[in-house]
Amino acid sequence: MTASATLALGNPSLGLAKPLPSSFLGVWIHPQSGLLRRVGLASPSSGLAVSCTMTKEVTAVEASKYENPGLGLRPDSFGRFGRFGGKYVPETLMYALTELEEAFWALSKDEEFQRELEGILRDYVGRESPLYFAERLTEHYRRSDGQGPHIYLKREDLNHTGAHKINNAVAQALLAKRLGKKRIIAETGAGQHGVATATVCARFGLECIIYMGAQDMERQALNVFRMKLLGAEVRAVHSGTATLKDATSEAIRDWVTNVETTHYILGSVAGPHPYPMMVREFHAVIGKETRKQALEKWGGKPDVLVACVGGGSNAMGLFHEFVDDRDVRLVGVEAAGFGLDSGKHAATLTKGEVGVLHGAMSYLLQDDDGQIIEPHSISAGLDYPGVGPEHSYLKDIGRAEYFSVTDEQALEAFKQLSRLEGIIPALETSHALAYLEDLCPTLPDGSKVVVNCSGRGDKDVQTAIKHLHL
């Protein structure tokens, strides 16, 4: 890699021209030369207790002082996970991001804030979510010799609003109130983050605007109605592919324009620092509870954790607690759409190249000129051409494994869990469940597998009707 490229990577605030507030410039890294090239995006557009609060870890600045910090202490002081992450944003947003990070760390030490957040997560969201032994699913994957893994579901689908998204939405809404921001914006793909954001805005009396791709609005009409019922204004995004990427771009544009009065509740572990770190911490309760519940149920840790990956928030919420436990496998499952060789998929970590999108460096689906490629998944929540920078980092260092399953495989898993366990999973979750077909035959007898059941499938019934002939 050239010296100039290293400089730009070493400090994301240096080495690149400042983009205009009205445009979003991407950065492509040539796979052979390693050179940075700036390009326009195709569409700018047991008696143990678990605290349901932010992890009270040292700050990123303090962590950087250690010679060999654990993986769980990342990002570094520049918001980077290795070469990934950073802040590639218009100057307009730099102060807001700095203010947000300072508020996050201050509130992580504020006992009153922690008590309020923990109380809401317990009494309003319904935490802790169960760790459920899927007996019939376990029996289904038992081999002819009677051996096989034991499969557990972390039931985030039982949270208020029906998915893991509410964990982050509640915490960020409380943070926004502390910052004096009364206007909230958010992006959504499957609609679950939009519903969660609209829900907490109704709870706290905040103005709420949700950006959603027009295509996603069609396939998630139920969630669109739920958001409107909760008092949110849902703005359709028709530019580009009219999906999650474009909704995110529009939300960022809004934030640039209204940064003084508006807080952006970003729904995944993507975007500029501190969002990947902050959203991870707000979802880390998933993994903390899993550790406690595993100890209570079988007196040990899980052997394998499995979660679907779009932007990656539900997976990171489950993985983060166990990142430094090297004997626990971390398995992320992406959307292979019509197949990895079809060109119609959303398998960013499997087929992507390094670049910058929505303020952070990560793996992206892009062509030889660095233009973003249209992703495809039957699941609106996985239909995104990027991924959170920490997932990119965990992939590169080999700490997490990433695989993909097709639309057809996900639909079969959707039907299978419904019939074996009486649980209708989200199509996003169904991708993680589908990978059990490949995973389970390889595991020793009695291995403990935890699948993050990130959401319920009510929202996907209309999609399933079109594809499943029951």
Foldseek 3Di string as FASTA:
>chain_A
DDPLLVVCLVAVVPNDDADDLVFAWKWAQQPPPRDIDIDGAPFLFVPDDFQLFFDLDDALDVQVVDPDHALLSDDHPQQALVSKFGFRHHPLCPVVQVVLSVLLNVLSPVVVLSVVLRVCCCPPFPDDFDFAWLVLLQVVLQDPVRFWATETERQQLSTVLRFLQLLLLLSVVSSCVVVVAQEEEEEDFLLSNLLSNLQNCLVVVGAYEYEAFPVSCVLQVVSVVSSVVSPHHYDYFDTDPSARQNSLSNRSSVCSVVVVRYDYSYRALAAHPPSVVSLLRSLLSSQVVQQVNCCVPPNGHAQEEFAEFAQHSNLSSNCSVCLNVQSHAREYEAEQAVHVVPLAAQQQLVDFRWMDGNTMIFTFCADSVRHHRFYHALARRNRHGTYRSNVRSCVVVVSYHYYYDYNVLLLVQQVVCCVSPVFRADSSLSGRSSCCVVVIVVDGGHRYYYYHSRGGHPSNPVVSVVPDDD
